[in-house]
Amino acid sequence: GLGVALAFRAGLFNIGAQGQALVAALAAGYVGFTWDLPAGLHLLAAIAAGLAAGAFWGSIVGWLKATTGAHEVITTIMLNFVARFVVLYFLAKEAFQKANSDNLITPAPADSATFPTIAGIHLGIPLALLAAAGVWWILERSKLGFELRAVGANPDASRTAGMSTTKVYILVMALAGMLAGLAATMTVLGLRQSVTDQVVGSVGFDAITVALLGRASPLGTVLAGFLFGALSAG
């Protein structure tokens, strides 16, 4: 929801959280089950891989918007399909499959790459809340936040004032993709699930409703996320 809400504030309609989460799940999962690192460091490396993959996928949309004027609704919808087939392509490779199996599913991440659990709650949950606080700080206290809110309100006036809409579009979509990538790590590294093309379910599409219900604010998105999580779990 945060990834969609942040893009909203810059005047962009991010329908691509699903694709961004999918490629992030693949990257985080691959690092999680192939790399051999100490606990803690392995988890950080897997999270970083997921964030980087999501940011890259999101930045493609921002770059297309900034350089060609391609509408982000169209490109994000198309890239959702591309992401799924990219994931399926890699899942068909032996390096991504379980031993002695041709099924399109990866091994589960190693224990050293999974979120620790306290009282039945894995530490990805407070990390998500920390991300919400980070989004609030970006929007309300940073120069980038001021620029993206200004571009969202009136891109032409922002250009006249000397702001780079190209920079804002690429950065905000990279951040949106990074947040979607963080969501993917909750499933893969938090619940220790193997990666398939359905690993993130419909969370990327649910995120649109969550962001809208939360009125594109960090606090509203957190509350809407809790509501939808409770409805889903219940």
Protein backbone atom coordinates (compact mmCIF):
# COMPACT_ATOMS: atom_id res chain seq x y z
CA GLY A 1 0.00 0.00 0.00
CA LEU A 2 2.85 2.40 0.78
CA GLY A 3 4.36 1.84 -2.67
CA VAL A 4 1.09 2.77 -4.35
CA ALA A 5 0.38 5.68 -1.97
CA LEU A 6 3.81 7.25 -2.51
CA ALA A 7 3.30 7.22 -6.28
CA PHE A 8 -0.17 8.74 -5.83
CA ARG A 9 1.36 11.72 -4.04
CA ALA A 10 3.53 12.39 -7.09
CA GLY A 11 0.52 12.22 -9.40
CA LEU A 12 1.31 8.71 -10.62
CA PHE A 13 -1.10 5.77 -10.57
CA ASN A 14 1.04 2.73 -9.79
CA ILE A 15 -0.82 -0.39 -10.93
CA GLY A 16 2.49 -2.28 -11.04
CA ALA A 17 3.04 -3.24 -7.41
CA GLN A 18 2.16 -6.82 -8.33
CA GLY A 19 4.93 -7.10 -10.89
CA GLN A 20 7.40 -5.23 -8.71
CA ALA A 21 6.69 -7.62 -5.84
CA LEU A 22 7.03 -10.67 -8.09
CA VAL A 23 10.52 -9.85 -9.37
CA ALA A 24 11.53 -8.86 -5.84
CA ALA A 25 10.32 -12.21 -4.49
CA LEU A 26 12.43 -14.03 -7.08
CA ALA A 27 15.55 -12.01 -6.25
CA ALA A 28 15.12 -12.29 -2.46
CA GLY A 29 14.29 -15.98 -2.71
CA TYR A 30 17.32 -16.74 -4.90
CA VAL A 31 19.71 -15.07 -2.48
CA GLY A 32 17.90 -16.78 0.38
CA PHE A 33 18.32 -20.34 -0.88
CA THR A 34 21.64 -20.15 -2.78
CA TRP A 35 23.97 -17.89 -0.80
CA ASP A 36 25.81 -19.24 2.23
CA LEU A 37 26.21 -16.40 4.71
CA PRO A 38 26.01 -16.04 8.50
CA ALA A 39 22.56 -15.47 9.98
CA GLY A 40 21.64 -11.82 10.01
CA LEU A 41 24.00 -10.95 7.18
CA HIS A 42 22.22 -13.47 4.96
CA LEU A 43 18.84 -11.93 5.82
CA LEU A 44 20.11 -8.42 5.06
CA ALA A 45 21.52 -9.59 1.71
CA ALA A 46 18.22 -11.25 0.75
CA ILE A 47 16.20 -8.16 1.76
CA ALA A 48 18.59 -5.92 -0.20
CA ALA A 49 18.20 -8.12 -3.28
CA GLY A 50 14.42 -7.87 -3.07
CA LEU A 51 14.50 -4.10 -2.58
CA ALA A 52 16.91 -3.62 -5.48
CA ALA A 53 14.85 -5.79 -7.85
CA GLY A 54 11.62 -3.99 -6.95
CA ALA A 55 13.28 -0.57 -7.31
CA PHE A 56 14.67 -1.50 -10.72
CA TRP A 57 11.28 -2.70 -11.96
CA GLY A 58 9.57 0.43 -10.71
CA SER A 59 12.22 2.76 -12.13
CA ILE A 60 11.53 1.43 -15.64
CA VAL A 61 8.04 2.93 -15.37
CA GLY A 62 9.38 6.26 -14.11
CA TRP A 63 11.99 6.40 -16.87
CA LEU A 64 9.40 5.68 -19.57
CA LYS A 65 7.08 8.32 -18.12
CA ALA A 66 9.83 10.94 -17.92
CA THR A 67 11.47 10.31 -21.30
CA THR A 68 8.61 9.28 -23.58
CA GLY A 69 5.48 10.44 -21.77
CA ALA A 70 4.20 6.84 -21.68
CA HIS A 71 1.25 6.68 -19.28
CA GLU A 72 2.17 4.80 -16.11
CA VAL A 73 -1.18 2.97 -15.94
CA ILE A 74 -0.49 1.31 -19.29
CA THR A 75 3.19 0.56 -18.64
CA THR A 76 2.63 -0.80 -15.13
CA ILE A 77 -0.16 -3.11 -16.30
CA MET A 78 2.02 -4.37 -19.14
CA LEU A 79 5.04 -4.82 -16.86
CA ASN A 80 2.92 -6.92 -14.49
CA PHE A 81 2.59 -9.47 -17.28
CA VAL A 82 6.25 -9.15 -18.23
CA ALA A 83 7.26 -9.69 -14.59
CA ARG A 84 5.26 -12.90 -14.35
CA PHE A 85 6.83 -14.33 -17.49
CA VAL A 86 10.31 -13.25 -16.39
CA VAL A 87 9.74 -15.14 -13.14
CA LEU A 88 8.43 -18.19 -15.03
CA TYR A 89 11.47 -18.07 -17.32
CA PHE A 90 13.89 -18.25 -14.40
CA LEU A 91 11.81 -20.84 -12.55
CA ALA A 92 12.31 -23.13 -15.54
CA LYS A 93 16.09 -22.97 -15.02
CA GLU A 94 17.72 -25.76 -13.02
CA ALA A 95 19.54 -23.26 -10.79
CA PHE A 96 16.19 -22.02 -9.45
CA GLN A 97 14.51 -25.40 -8.95
CA LYS A 98 14.44 -27.86 -6.10
CA ALA A 99 16.88 -30.74 -6.38
CA ASN A 100 15.71 -33.59 -8.62
CA SER A 101 12.60 -31.67 -9.64
CA ASP A 102 11.42 -29.96 -12.82
CA ASN A 103 8.53 -28.18 -11.11
CA LEU A 104 8.41 -24.39 -11.42
CA ILE A 105 9.13 -23.79 -7.75
CA THR A 106 12.27 -22.83 -5.86
CA PRO A 107 13.58 -24.29 -2.62
CA ALA A 108 12.55 -22.45 0.54
CA PRO A 109 15.05 -19.86 1.79
CA ALA A 110 17.59 -21.01 4.36
CA ASP A 111 16.88 -20.43 8.04
CA SER A 112 19.70 -17.87 8.11
CA ALA A 113 17.81 -15.74 5.55
CA THR A 114 14.44 -15.65 7.30
CA PHE A 115 13.00 -13.04 9.65
CA PRO A 116 13.33 -14.00 13.33
CA THR A 117 10.04 -14.55 15.13
CA ILE A 118 9.06 -13.15 18.52
CA ALA A 119 5.76 -14.13 20.16
CA GLY A 120 4.52 -15.55 16.87
CA ILE A 121 5.20 -12.36 14.89
CA HIS A 122 8.15 -12.17 12.53
CA LEU A 123 10.27 -9.03 12.58
CA GLY A 124 9.18 -8.06 9.09
CA ILE A 125 6.02 -6.61 10.68
CA PRO A 126 7.81 -3.87 12.67
CA LEU A 127 10.02 -3.33 9.62
CA ALA A 128 6.88 -2.54 7.58
CA LEU A 129 5.80 -0.03 10.23
CA LEU A 130 9.28 1.49 10.15
CA ALA A 131 8.91 1.80 6.36
CA ALA A 132 5.65 3.69 6.91
CA ALA A 133 7.46 6.11 9.22
CA GLY A 134 10.16 6.50 6.56
CA VAL A 135 7.57 7.32 3.90
CA TRP A 136 6.02 9.92 6.21
CA TRP A 137 9.44 11.53 6.73
CA ILE A 138 10.13 11.59 2.98
CA LEU A 139 6.76 13.19 2.24
CA GLU A 140 6.65 15.71 5.07
CA ARG A 141 10.24 16.50 6.01
CA SER A 142 12.49 16.03 2.98
CA LYS A 143 13.28 18.11 -0.09
CA LEU A 144 12.37 15.13 -2.30
CA GLY A 145 8.99 14.90 -0.60
CA PHE A 146 8.28 18.57 -1.27
CA GLU A 147 9.27 18.12 -4.92
CA LEU A 148 7.17 15.02 -5.47
CA ARG A 149 4.13 16.65 -3.85
CA ALA A 150 4.66 19.73 -6.01
CA VAL A 151 5.03 17.65 -9.18
CA GLY A 152 1.92 15.69 -8.21
CA ALA A 153 -0.06 18.89 -7.77
CA ASN A 154 1.16 20.62 -10.96
CA PRO A 155 4.05 19.26 -13.03
CA ASP A 156 4.12 22.27 -15.38
CA ALA A 157 4.42 24.77 -12.53
CA SER A 158 7.10 22.57 -10.94
CA ARG A 159 9.18 22.66 -14.12
CA THR A 160 8.81 26.45 -14.24
CA ALA A 161 10.05 26.59 -10.64
CA GLY A 162 13.17 24.66 -11.67
CA MET A 163 12.26 21.19 -10.43
CA SER A 164 13.26 18.15 -12.46
CA THR A 165 10.15 16.13 -13.15
CA THR A 166 12.36 13.48 -14.78
CA LYS A 167 14.26 12.95 -11.51
CA VAL A 168 11.06 12.94 -9.47
CA TYR A 169 9.26 10.41 -11.70
CA ILE A 170 12.18 7.99 -11.76
CA LEU A 171 12.97 8.31 -8.05
CA VAL A 172 9.39 8.03 -6.84
CA MET A 173 8.71 4.95 -8.95
CA ALA A 174 11.98 3.37 -7.81
CA LEU A 175 10.94 3.99 -4.20
CA ALA A 176 7.46 2.64 -4.92
CA GLY A 177 8.98 -0.51 -6.42
CA MET A 178 11.31 -0.82 -3.44
CA LEU A 179 8.36 -0.74 -1.05
CA ALA A 180 6.54 -3.36 -3.13
CA GLY A 181 9.75 -5.40 -2.96
CA LEU A 182 9.74 -5.10 0.81
CA ALA A 183 6.21 -6.51 0.81
CA ALA A 184 7.44 -9.51 -1.18
CA THR A 185 10.14 -10.26 1.39
CA MET A 186 7.40 -10.57 4.03
CA THR A 187 6.06 -13.63 2.24
CA VAL A 188 9.30 -15.22 1.09
CA LEU A 189 11.56 -14.45 4.06
CA GLY A 190 8.90 -13.94 6.72
CA LEU A 191 6.77 -17.00 6.02
CA ARG A 192 9.70 -18.92 4.45
CA GLN A 193 7.81 -19.72 1.28
CA SER A 194 9.21 -21.09 -1.95
CA VAL A 195 8.97 -18.80 -4.97
CA THR A 196 6.39 -19.50 -7.68
CA ASP A 197 4.64 -17.15 -10.07
CA GLN A 198 1.81 -16.98 -7.50
CA VAL A 199 3.96 -16.42 -4.41
CA VAL A 200 2.67 -12.91 -3.65
CA GLY A 201 -0.96 -13.78 -4.35
CA SER A 202 -2.94 -10.65 -5.20
CA VAL A 203 -1.21 -8.37 -2.70
CA GLY A 204 -0.04 -5.98 -5.42
CA PHE A 205 -3.62 -5.38 -6.54
CA ASP A 206 -4.98 -5.25 -2.98
CA ALA A 207 -2.40 -2.52 -2.36
CA ILE A 208 -4.27 -0.19 -4.72
CA THR A 209 -7.44 -0.45 -2.63
CA VAL A 210 -5.45 -0.10 0.60
CA ALA A 211 -3.75 3.09 -0.65
CA LEU A 212 -7.03 4.57 -1.85
CA LEU A 213 -8.82 3.74 1.39
CA GLY A 214 -5.89 5.22 3.32
CA ARG A 215 -6.15 8.41 1.23
CA ALA A 216 -2.51 8.00 0.13
CA SER A 217 -1.21 8.93 3.58
CA PRO A 218 1.27 6.71 5.48
CA LEU A 219 -0.91 6.46 8.62
CA GLY A 220 -4.08 5.86 6.61
CA THR A 221 -2.31 3.19 4.56
CA VAL A 222 -1.13 1.40 7.70
CA LEU A 223 -4.64 1.40 9.16
CA ALA A 224 -6.18 0.26 5.88
CA GLY A 225 -3.52 -2.42 5.62
CA PHE A 226 -4.42 -3.72 9.08
CA LEU A 227 -8.10 -3.75 8.09
CA PHE A 228 -7.49 -5.71 4.91
CA GLY A 229 -5.06 -8.02 6.71
CA ALA A 230 -7.67 -8.75 9.37
CA LEU A 231 -10.36 -9.40 6.75
CA SER A 232 -8.01 -11.70 4.83
CA ALA A 233 -6.87 -13.60 7.91
CA GLY A 234 -10.38 -13.78 9.34
